């Protein structure tokens, strides 16, 4: 609309100038107008034509700029709508994760309180000599609970010593394989991956019918992976999958063997 209005204004001014020029020419033809007036009128017309051309170029440039700006605005609006939808979905996902984390934290708090209670009882039992039975020997149940209390409290050095003593004294109880596995866990959690591998392998060697075999094979692979020996790590992952395909450790082993997906650019 602006360009149309400008064109009309220029045309009216041109018409007025042309009319004056015509009058001047007519007067000059009959000898009534001086030559200087004609030259002045002609110069004005040239200036006006030059101004018109300049103005037309400015208008064209403005129209191109407006069109480009309009395209940018439309593109930005579409991008903003897509980004807003993406952010909304992300917020919904994070809200769900927050709710699940809150529930897990509550459950963990209850477990911590339960462990603290057991530790208090175990420490009292240990202080009163409750790990010994009436015959002067070590009570296996109290010994295992004491070691487990240290493990749950994060006292991995004490727990490892207690589990090791348990396995030496009671190698054939129903929880002996658990104690041997926990020795490996104590080493793993303190960064002694070589010691962990040795302890896990003893579970496989000494308790071939125990229920700690899947975990021992899988954690052996993880420990080798931590030592950057991926070839041996993959061997143990595949052993878990082959021997215990429906176990949770087999699922974890499959995930460990799956190469990470490349992110889209």
C-alpha atoms as a PDB file:
ATOM      1  CA  UNK A   1       0.000   0.000   0.000  1.00  0.00           C
ATOM      2  CA  UNK A   2       2.841   2.340   0.823  1.00  0.00           C
ATOM      3  CA  UNK A   3       4.492   1.831  -2.575  1.00  0.00           C
ATOM      4  CA  UNK A   4       1.177   2.542  -4.360  1.00  0.00           C
ATOM      5  CA  UNK A   5       0.702   5.790  -2.432  1.00  0.00           C
ATOM      6  CA  UNK A   6       4.222   6.939  -3.264  1.00  0.00           C
ATOM      7  CA  UNK A   7       3.747   6.136  -6.981  1.00  0.00           C
ATOM      8  CA  UNK A   8       0.541   8.191  -7.117  1.00  0.00           C
ATOM      9  CA  UNK A   9       2.179  11.165  -5.428  1.00  0.00           C
ATOM     10  CA  UNK A  10       5.091  11.049  -7.849  1.00  0.00           C
ATOM     11  CA  UNK A  11       2.748  10.804 -10.816  1.00  0.00           C
ATOM     12  CA  UNK A  12       0.788  13.905  -9.672  1.00  0.00           C
ATOM     13  CA  UNK A  13       3.981  15.850  -9.231  1.00  0.00           C
ATOM     14  CA  UNK A  14       5.185  14.701 -12.647  1.00  0.00           C
ATOM     15  CA  UNK A  15       1.912  15.750 -14.227  1.00  0.00           C
ATOM     16  CA  UNK A  16       2.172  19.196 -12.641  1.00  0.00           C
ATOM     17  CA  UNK A  17       5.781  19.563 -13.778  1.00  0.00           C
ATOM     18  CA  UNK A  18       4.900  18.374 -17.283  1.00  0.00           C
ATOM     19  CA  UNK A  19       2.051  20.868 -17.467  1.00  0.00           C
ATOM     20  CA  UNK A  20       4.349  23.707 -16.451  1.00  0.00           C
ATOM     21  CA  UNK A  21       6.881  22.497 -18.970  1.00  0.00           C
ATOM     22  CA  UNK A  22       4.261  22.450 -21.695  1.00  0.00           C
ATOM     23  CA  UNK A  23       3.189  25.972 -20.864  1.00  0.00           C
ATOM     24  CA  UNK A  24       6.767  27.103 -20.847  1.00  0.00           C
ATOM     25  CA  UNK A  25       7.416  25.482 -24.194  1.00  0.00           C
ATOM     26  CA  UNK A  26       4.306  27.073 -25.659  1.00  0.00           C
ATOM     27  CA  UNK A  27       5.307  30.472 -24.413  1.00  0.00           C
ATOM     28  CA  UNK A  28       8.800  30.008 -25.710  1.00  0.00           C
ATOM     29  CA  UNK A  29       7.399  29.075 -29.093  1.00  0.00           C
ATOM     30  CA  UNK A  30       5.518  32.375 -29.390  1.00  0.00           C
ATOM     31  CA  UNK A  31       8.386  34.300 -27.924  1.00  0.00           C
ATOM     32  CA  UNK A  32       6.654  35.039 -24.642  1.00  0.00           C
ATOM     33  CA  UNK A  33       8.939  33.060 -22.245  1.00  0.00           C
ATOM     34  CA  UNK A  34      12.617  33.625 -21.684  1.00  0.00           C
ATOM     35  CA  UNK A  35      15.061  30.785 -22.476  1.00  0.00           C
ATOM     36  CA  UNK A  36      16.250  30.698 -18.869  1.00  0.00           C
ATOM     37  CA  UNK A  37      12.815  29.661 -17.685  1.00  0.00           C
ATOM     38  CA  UNK A  38      12.826  26.763 -20.107  1.00  0.00           C
ATOM     39  CA  UNK A  39      16.218  25.585 -18.954  1.00  0.00           C
ATOM     40  CA  UNK A  40      15.083  25.800 -15.316  1.00  0.00           C
ATOM     41  CA  UNK A  41      11.950  23.818 -16.013  1.00  0.00           C
ATOM     42  CA  UNK A  42      13.866  21.149 -17.933  1.00  0.00           C
ATOM     43  CA  UNK A  43      16.395  20.830 -15.122  1.00  0.00           C
ATOM     44  CA  UNK A  44      13.565  20.403 -12.615  1.00  0.00           C
ATOM     45  CA  UNK A  45      12.061  17.666 -14.730  1.00  0.00           C
ATOM     46  CA  UNK A  46      15.413  15.824 -14.929  1.00  0.00           C
ATOM     47  CA  UNK A  47      15.822  16.079 -11.156  1.00  0.00           C
ATOM     48  CA  UNK A  48      12.322  14.810 -10.675  1.00  0.00           C
ATOM     49  CA  UNK A  49      12.907  11.831 -12.938  1.00  0.00           C
ATOM     50  CA  UNK A  50      16.141  11.051 -11.127  1.00  0.00           C
ATOM     51  CA  UNK A  51      14.361  11.281  -7.778  1.00  0.00           C
ATOM     52  CA  UNK A  52      11.625   9.019  -9.058  1.00  0.00           C
ATOM     53  CA  UNK A  53      14.151   6.377 -10.134  1.00  0.00           C
ATOM     54  CA  UNK A  54      15.927   6.576  -6.788  1.00  0.00           C
ATOM     55  CA  UNK A  55      12.674   6.307  -4.916  1.00  0.00           C
ATOM     56  CA  UNK A  56      11.610   3.331  -6.998  1.00  0.00           C
ATOM     57  CA  UNK A  57      14.879   1.560  -6.155  1.00  0.00           C
ATOM     58  CA  UNK A  58      14.365   2.284  -2.457  1.00  0.00           C
ATOM     59  CA  UNK A  59      10.821   0.969  -2.606  1.00  0.00           C
ATOM     60  CA  UNK A  60      11.963  -2.207  -4.363  1.00  0.00           C
ATOM     61  CA  UNK A  61      14.681  -2.720  -1.779  1.00  0.00           C
ATOM     62  CA  UNK A  62      12.192  -2.197   1.046  1.00  0.00           C
ATOM     63  CA  UNK A  63       9.757  -4.658  -0.512  1.00  0.00           C
ATOM     64  CA  UNK A  64      12.511  -7.287  -0.771  1.00  0.00           C
ATOM     65  CA  UNK A  65      13.542  -6.665   2.825  1.00  0.00           C
ATOM     66  CA  UNK A  66       9.940  -6.925   4.022  1.00  0.00           C
ATOM     67  CA  UNK A  67       9.446 -10.200   2.144  1.00  0.00           C
ATOM     68  CA  UNK A  68      12.658 -11.650   3.590  1.00  0.00           C
ATOM     69  CA  UNK A  69      11.695 -10.528   7.095  1.00  0.00           C
ATOM     70  CA  UNK A  70       8.245 -12.074   6.722  1.00  0.00           C
ATOM     71  CA  UNK A  71       9.816 -15.397   5.693  1.00  0.00           C
ATOM     72  CA  UNK A  72      12.171 -15.259   8.683  1.00  0.00           C
ATOM     73  CA  UNK A  73       9.286 -14.550  11.041  1.00  0.00           C
ATOM     74  CA  UNK A  74       7.270 -17.457   9.650  1.00  0.00           C
ATOM     75  CA  UNK A  75      10.269 -19.799   9.886  1.00  0.00           C
ATOM     76  CA  UNK A  76      11.009 -18.658  13.444  1.00  0.00           C
ATOM     77  CA  UNK A  77       7.388 -19.179  14.436  1.00  0.00           C
ATOM     78  CA  UNK A  78       7.376 -22.722  13.048  1.00  0.00           C
ATOM     79  CA  UNK A  79      10.684 -23.480  14.754  1.00  0.00           C
ATOM     80  CA  UNK A  80       9.404 -22.012  18.013  1.00  0.00           C
ATOM     81  CA  UNK A  81       6.260 -24.137  17.873  1.00  0.00           C
ATOM     82  CA  UNK A  82       8.336 -27.272  17.299  1.00  0.00           C
ATOM     83  CA  UNK A  83      10.754 -26.342  20.077  1.00  0.00           C
ATOM     84  CA  UNK A  84       7.884 -25.608  22.452  1.00  0.00           C
ATOM     85  CA  UNK A  85       6.345 -29.004  21.748  1.00  0.00           C
ATOM     86  CA  UNK A  86       9.720 -30.664  22.325  1.00  0.00           C
ATOM     87  CA  UNK A  87      10.256 -28.807  25.600  1.00  0.00           C
ATOM     88  CA  UNK A  88       6.758 -29.712  26.792  1.00  0.00           C
ATOM     89  CA  UNK A  89       7.413 -33.393  26.155  1.00  0.00           C
ATOM     90  CA  UNK A  90      10.758 -33.134  27.892  1.00  0.00           C
ATOM     91  CA  UNK A  91       9.138 -31.504  30.931  1.00  0.00           C
ATOM     92  CA  UNK A  92       6.524 -34.262  31.117  1.00  0.00           C
ATOM     93  CA  UNK A  93       9.255 -36.904  30.999  1.00  0.00           C
ATOM     94  CA  UNK A  94      11.302 -35.151  33.681  1.00  0.00           C
ATOM     95  CA  UNK A  95       8.227 -34.819  35.874  1.00  0.00           C
ATOM     96  CA  UNK A  96       7.659 -38.558  35.633  1.00  0.00           C
ATOM     97  CA  UNK A  97      11.292 -39.235  36.469  1.00  0.00           C
ATOM     98  CA  UNK A  98      11.053 -36.882  39.440  1.00  0.00           C
ATOM     99  CA  UNK A  99       8.014 -38.697  40.787  1.00  0.00           C
ATOM    100  CA  UNK A 100       9.705 -42.080  40.387  1.00  0.00           C
ATOM    101  CA  UNK A 101      12.872 -40.771  42.016  1.00  0.00           C
ATOM    102  CA  UNK A 102      10.838 -39.462  44.932  1.00  0.00           C
ATOM    103  CA  UNK A 103       9.258 -42.872  45.458  1.00  0.00           C
ATOM    104  CA  UNK A 104      12.638 -44.574  45.208  1.00  0.00           C
ATOM    105  CA  UNK A 105      14.134 -42.109  47.677  1.00  0.00           C
ATOM    106  CA  UNK A 106      11.345 -42.823  50.144  1.00  0.00           C
ATOM    107  CA  UNK A 107      11.872 -46.552  49.767  1.00  0.00           C
ATOM    108  CA  UNK A 108      15.628 -46.113  50.150  1.00  0.00           C
ATOM    109  CA  UNK A 109      15.127 -44.070  53.321  1.00  0.00           C
ATOM    110  CA  UNK A 110      13.116 -46.906  54.830  1.00  0.00           C
ATOM    111  CA  UNK A 111      15.841 -49.380  53.901  1.00  0.00           C
ATOM    112  CA  UNK A 112      18.508 -47.142  55.434  1.00  0.00           C
ATOM    113  CA  UNK A 113      16.600 -46.957  58.693  1.00  0.00           C
ATOM    114  CA  UNK A 114      16.185 -50.732  58.656  1.00  0.00           C
ATOM    115  CA  UNK A 115      19.903 -51.236  58.039  1.00  0.00           C
ATOM    116  CA  UNK A 116      20.789 -48.805  60.816  1.00  0.00           C
ATOM    117  CA  UNK A 117      18.585 -50.781  63.164  1.00  0.00           C
ATOM    118  CA  UNK A 118      20.267 -54.053  62.171  1.00  0.00           C
ATOM    119  CA  UNK A 119      23.720 -52.504  62.517  1.00  0.00           C
ATOM    120  CA  UNK A 120      22.878 -51.353  66.020  1.00  0.00           C
ATOM    121  CA  UNK A 121      21.723 -54.833  66.968  1.00  0.00           C
ATOM    122  CA  UNK A 122      24.743 -56.493  65.341  1.00  0.00           C
ATOM    123  CA  UNK A 123      27.195 -54.125  66.990  1.00  0.00           C
ATOM    124  CA  UNK A 124      25.607 -54.835  70.360  1.00  0.00           C
ATOM    125  CA  UNK A 125      25.778 -58.560  69.691  1.00  0.00           C
ATOM    126  CA  UNK A 126      29.411 -58.330  68.654  1.00  0.00           C
ATOM    127  CA  UNK A 127      30.299 -56.227  71.692  1.00  0.00           C
ATOM    128  CA  UNK A 128      28.714 -58.783  74.027  1.00  0.00           C
ATOM    129  CA  UNK A 129      30.518 -61.706  72.390  1.00  0.00           C
ATOM    130  CA  UNK A 130      27.390 -62.951  70.657  1.00  0.00           C
ATOM    131  CA  UNK A 131      29.393 -64.288  67.720  1.00  0.00           C
ATOM    132  CA  UNK A 132      30.473 -67.216  69.875  1.00  0.00           C
ATOM    133  CA  UNK A 133      28.265 -70.168  70.629  1.00  0.00           C
ATOM    134  CA  UNK A 134      28.106 -72.111  73.887  1.00  0.00           C
ATOM    135  CA  UNK A 135      30.826 -74.512  72.753  1.00  0.00           C
ATOM    136  CA  UNK A 136      33.328 -71.720  72.295  1.00  0.00           C
ATOM    137  CA  UNK A 137      33.056 -71.737  68.493  1.00  0.00           C
ATOM    138  CA  UNK A 138      31.827 -68.983  66.159  1.00  0.00           C
ATOM    139  CA  UNK A 139      28.070 -68.809  65.603  1.00  0.00           C
ATOM    140  CA  UNK A 140      27.639 -68.901  61.768  1.00  0.00           C
ATOM    141  CA  UNK A 141      24.378 -66.930  61.636  1.00  0.00           C
ATOM    142  CA  UNK A 142      25.678 -64.141  63.886  1.00  0.00           C
ATOM    143  CA  UNK A 143      28.964 -64.033  61.963  1.00  0.00           C
ATOM    144  CA  UNK A 144      27.225 -63.667  58.610  1.00  0.00           C
ATOM    145  CA  UNK A 145      24.873 -60.982  59.941  1.00  0.00           C
ATOM    146  CA  UNK A 146      27.791 -59.031  61.389  1.00  0.00           C
ATOM    147  CA  UNK A 147      29.629 -59.124  58.060  1.00  0.00           C
ATOM    148  CA  UNK A 148      26.448 -58.089  56.236  1.00  0.00           C
ATOM    149  CA  UNK A 149      25.959 -55.176  58.621  1.00  0.00           C
ATOM    150  CA  UNK A 150      29.434 -53.883  57.810  1.00  0.00           C
ATOM    151  CA  UNK A 151      28.743 -54.309  54.093  1.00  0.00           C
ATOM    152  CA  UNK A 152      25.420 -52.464  54.276  1.00  0.00           C
ATOM    153  CA  UNK A 153      27.059 -49.617  56.195  1.00  0.00           C
ATOM    154  CA  UNK A 154      29.757 -49.237  53.542  1.00  0.00           C
ATOM    155  CA  UNK A 155      32.548 -50.581  55.766  1.00  0.00           C
ATOM    156  CA  UNK A 156      33.851 -52.710  52.925  1.00  0.00           C
ATOM    157  CA  UNK A 157      37.249 -53.437  54.428  1.00  0.00           C
ATOM    158  CA  UNK A 158      35.720 -54.830  57.620  1.00  0.00           C
ATOM    159  CA  UNK A 159      33.047 -56.664  55.653  1.00  0.00           C
ATOM    160  CA  UNK A 160      35.619 -58.300  53.386  1.00  0.00           C
ATOM    161  CA  UNK A 161      37.594 -59.550  56.383  1.00  0.00           C
ATOM    162  CA  UNK A 162      34.428 -60.836  58.072  1.00  0.00           C
ATOM    163  CA  UNK A 163      33.176 -62.620  54.949  1.00  0.00           C
ATOM    164  CA  UNK A 164      36.614 -64.135  54.364  1.00  0.00           C
ATOM    165  CA  UNK A 165      36.677 -65.445  57.943  1.00  0.00           C
ATOM    166  CA  UNK A 166      33.178 -66.838  57.460  1.00  0.00           C
ATOM    167  CA  UNK A 167      34.123 -68.733  54.284  1.00  0.00           C
ATOM    168  CA  UNK A 168      37.213 -70.188  55.940  1.00  0.00           C
ATOM    169  CA  UNK A 169      35.242 -71.294  59.007  1.00  0.00           C
ATOM    170  CA  UNK A 170      31.984 -72.274  57.272  1.00  0.00           C
ATOM    171  CA  UNK A 171      32.675 -73.187  53.623  1.00  0.00           C
ATOM    172  CA  UNK A 172      29.567 -75.328  53.121  1.00  0.00           C
ATOM    173  CA  UNK A 173      26.564 -73.453  54.556  1.00  0.00           C
ATOM    174  CA  UNK A 174      23.623 -72.270  52.446  1.00  0.00           C
ATOM    175  CA  UNK A 175      25.074 -68.742  52.416  1.00  0.00           C
ATOM    176  CA  UNK A 176      28.739 -69.608  51.899  1.00  0.00           C
ATOM    177  CA  UNK A 177      28.475 -68.776  48.189  1.00  0.00           C
ATOM    178  CA  UNK A 178      26.847 -65.461  49.120  1.00  0.00           C
ATOM    179  CA  UNK A 179      29.749 -64.699  51.455  1.00  0.00           C
ATOM    180  CA  UNK A 180      32.275 -65.509  48.725  1.00  0.00           C
ATOM    181  CA  UNK A 181      30.387 -63.331  46.246  1.00  0.00           C
ATOM    182  CA  UNK A 182      30.325 -60.464  48.757  1.00  0.00           C
ATOM    183  CA  UNK A 183      34.110 -60.713  49.094  1.00  0.00           C
ATOM    184  CA  UNK A 184      34.237 -59.934  45.372  1.00  0.00           C
ATOM    185  CA  UNK A 185      31.767 -57.096  45.799  1.00  0.00           C
ATOM    186  CA  UNK A 186      33.852 -55.531  48.590  1.00  0.00           C
ATOM    187  CA  UNK A 187      36.924 -55.598  46.342  1.00  0.00           C
ATOM    188  CA  UNK A 188      34.977 -54.237  43.364  1.00  0.00           C
ATOM    189  CA  UNK A 189      33.476 -51.369  45.358  1.00  0.00           C
ATOM    190  CA  UNK A 190      36.892 -50.310  46.631  1.00  0.00           C
ATOM    191  CA  UNK A 191      38.403 -50.314  43.134  1.00  0.00           C
ATOM    192  CA  UNK A 192      40.337 -53.580  43.480  1.00  0.00           C
ATOM    193  CA  UNK A 193      39.049 -55.104  40.244  1.00  0.00           C
ATOM    194  CA  UNK A 194      41.743 -57.788  40.069  1.00  0.00           C
ATOM    195  CA  UNK A 195      40.863 -58.921  43.586  1.00  0.00           C
ATOM    196  CA  UNK A 196      37.188 -58.873  42.655  1.00  0.00           C
ATOM    197  CA  UNK A 197      37.819 -61.119  39.637  1.00  0.00           C
ATOM    198  CA  UNK A 198      39.665 -63.609  41.813  1.00  0.00           C
ATOM    199  CA  UNK A 199      36.826 -63.692  44.355  1.00  0.00           C
ATOM    200  CA  UNK A 200      34.095 -64.039  41.700  1.00  0.00           C
ATOM    201  CA  UNK A 201      35.955 -66.921  40.043  1.00  0.00           C
ATOM    202  CA  UNK A 202      36.081 -68.756  43.360  1.00  0.00           C
ATOM    203  CA  UNK A 203      32.285 -68.644  43.481  1.00  0.00           C
ATOM    204  CA  UNK A 204      32.162 -70.423  40.115  1.00  0.00           C
ATOM    205  CA  UNK A 205      34.847 -72.928  41.115  1.00  0.00           C
ATOM    206  CA  UNK A 206      33.731 -73.730  44.677  1.00  0.00           C
ATOM    207  CA  UNK A 207      29.941 -73.387  44.374  1.00  0.00           C
ATOM    208  CA  UNK A 208      28.976 -74.608  40.887  1.00  0.00           C
ATOM    209  CA  UNK A 209      25.408 -75.302  41.987  1.00  0.00           C
ATOM    210  CA  UNK A 210      24.867 -72.063  43.880  1.00  0.00           C
ATOM    211  CA  UNK A 211      22.527 -69.260  42.871  1.00  0.00           C
ATOM    212  CA  UNK A 212      25.363 -66.716  42.716  1.00  0.00           C
ATOM    213  CA  UNK A 213      26.812 -68.082  39.491  1.00  0.00           C
ATOM    214  CA  UNK A 214      25.020 -65.705  37.070  1.00  0.00           C
ATOM    215  CA  UNK A 215      26.017 -62.689  39.139  1.00  0.00           C
ATOM    216  CA  UNK A 216      29.597 -63.906  39.512  1.00  0.00           C
ATOM    217  CA  UNK A 217      30.031 -64.466  35.764  1.00  0.00           C
ATOM    218  CA  UNK A 218      28.508 -61.114  34.897  1.00  0.00           C
ATOM    219  CA  UNK A 219      30.489 -59.165  37.511  1.00  0.00           C
ATOM    220  CA  UNK A 220      33.683 -60.887  36.372  1.00  0.00           C
ATOM    221  CA  UNK A 221      32.995 -59.459  32.916  1.00  0.00           C
ATOM    222  CA  UNK A 222      32.309 -56.010  34.368  1.00  0.00           C
ATOM    223  CA  UNK A 223      35.545 -56.126  36.378  1.00  0.00           C
ATOM    224  CA  UNK A 224      37.521 -57.053  33.239  1.00  0.00           C
ATOM    225  CA  UNK A 225      35.820 -54.165  31.433  1.00  0.00           C
ATOM    226  CA  UNK A 226      36.939 -51.805  34.203  1.00  0.00           C
ATOM    227  CA  UNK A 227      40.474 -53.063  33.570  1.00  0.00           C
ATOM    228  CA  UNK A 228      39.957 -52.231  29.843  1.00  0.00           C
ATOM    229  CA  UNK A 229      40.194 -55.910  28.864  1.00  0.00           C
ATOM    230  CA  UNK A 230      37.085 -55.929  26.703  1.00  0.00           C
ATOM    231  CA  UNK A 231      37.921 -59.155  24.887  1.00  0.00           C
ATOM    232  CA  UNK A 232      37.756 -61.220  28.095  1.00  0.00           C
ATOM    233  CA  UNK A 233      34.853 -59.126  29.400  1.00  0.00           C
ATOM    234  CA  UNK A 234      32.754 -60.017  26.347  1.00  0.00           C
ATOM    235  CA  UNK A 235      33.626 -63.702  26.842  1.00  0.00           C
ATOM    236  CA  UNK A 236      32.071 -63.653  30.307  1.00  0.00           C
ATOM    237  CA  UNK A 237      29.048 -61.662  29.099  1.00  0.00           C
ATOM    238  CA  UNK A 238      28.396 -64.292  26.441  1.00  0.00           C
ATOM    239  CA  UNK A 239      28.837 -67.077  29.017  1.00  0.00           C
ATOM    240  CA  UNK A 240      26.097 -65.556  31.184  1.00  0.00           C
ATOM    241  CA  UNK A 241      23.738 -65.245  28.220  1.00  0.00           C
ATOM    242  CA  UNK A 242      24.407 -68.827  27.101  1.00  0.00           C
ATOM    243  CA  UNK A 243      24.139 -70.493  30.527  1.00  0.00           C
ATOM    244  CA  UNK A 244      21.456 -68.308  32.145  1.00  0.00           C
ATOM    245  CA  UNK A 245      19.552 -66.688  29.252  1.00  0.00           C
ATOM    246  CA  UNK A 246      16.505 -65.687  31.317  1.00  0.00           C
ATOM    247  CA  UNK A 247      18.374 -64.122  34.230  1.00  0.00           C
ATOM    248  CA  UNK A 248      18.564 -60.406  34.926  1.00  0.00           C
ATOM    249  CA  UNK A 249      22.346 -60.708  34.601  1.00  0.00           C
ATOM    250  CA  UNK A 250      21.908 -62.042  31.041  1.00  0.00           C
ATOM    251  CA  UNK A 251      19.789 -58.993  30.206  1.00  0.00           C
ATOM    252  CA  UNK A 252      22.510 -56.722  31.593  1.00  0.00           C
ATOM    253  CA  UNK A 253      25.139 -58.668  29.634  1.00  0.00           C
ATOM    254  CA  UNK A 254      23.190 -58.223  26.388  1.00  0.00           C
ATOM    255  CA  UNK A 255      23.018 -54.502  27.011  1.00  0.00           C
ATOM    256  CA  UNK A 256      26.764 -54.413  27.690  1.00  0.00           C
ATOM    257  CA  UNK A 257      27.419 -56.198  24.383  1.00  0.00           C
ATOM    258  CA  UNK A 258      25.177 -53.816  22.425  1.00  0.00           C
ATOM    259  CA  UNK A 259      27.211 -50.997  20.856  1.00  0.00           C
ATOM    260  CA  UNK A 260      25.994 -47.511  21.813  1.00  0.00           C
ATOM    261  CA  UNK A 261      23.698 -45.807  19.309  1.00  0.00           C
ATOM    262  CA  UNK A 262      25.059 -42.805  17.496  1.00  0.00           C
ATOM    263  CA  UNK A 263      23.213 -39.597  18.193  1.00  0.00           C
ATOM    264  CA  UNK A 264      21.469 -37.963  15.310  1.00  0.00           C
ATOM    265  CA  UNK A 265      23.241 -34.760  14.168  1.00  0.00           C
END
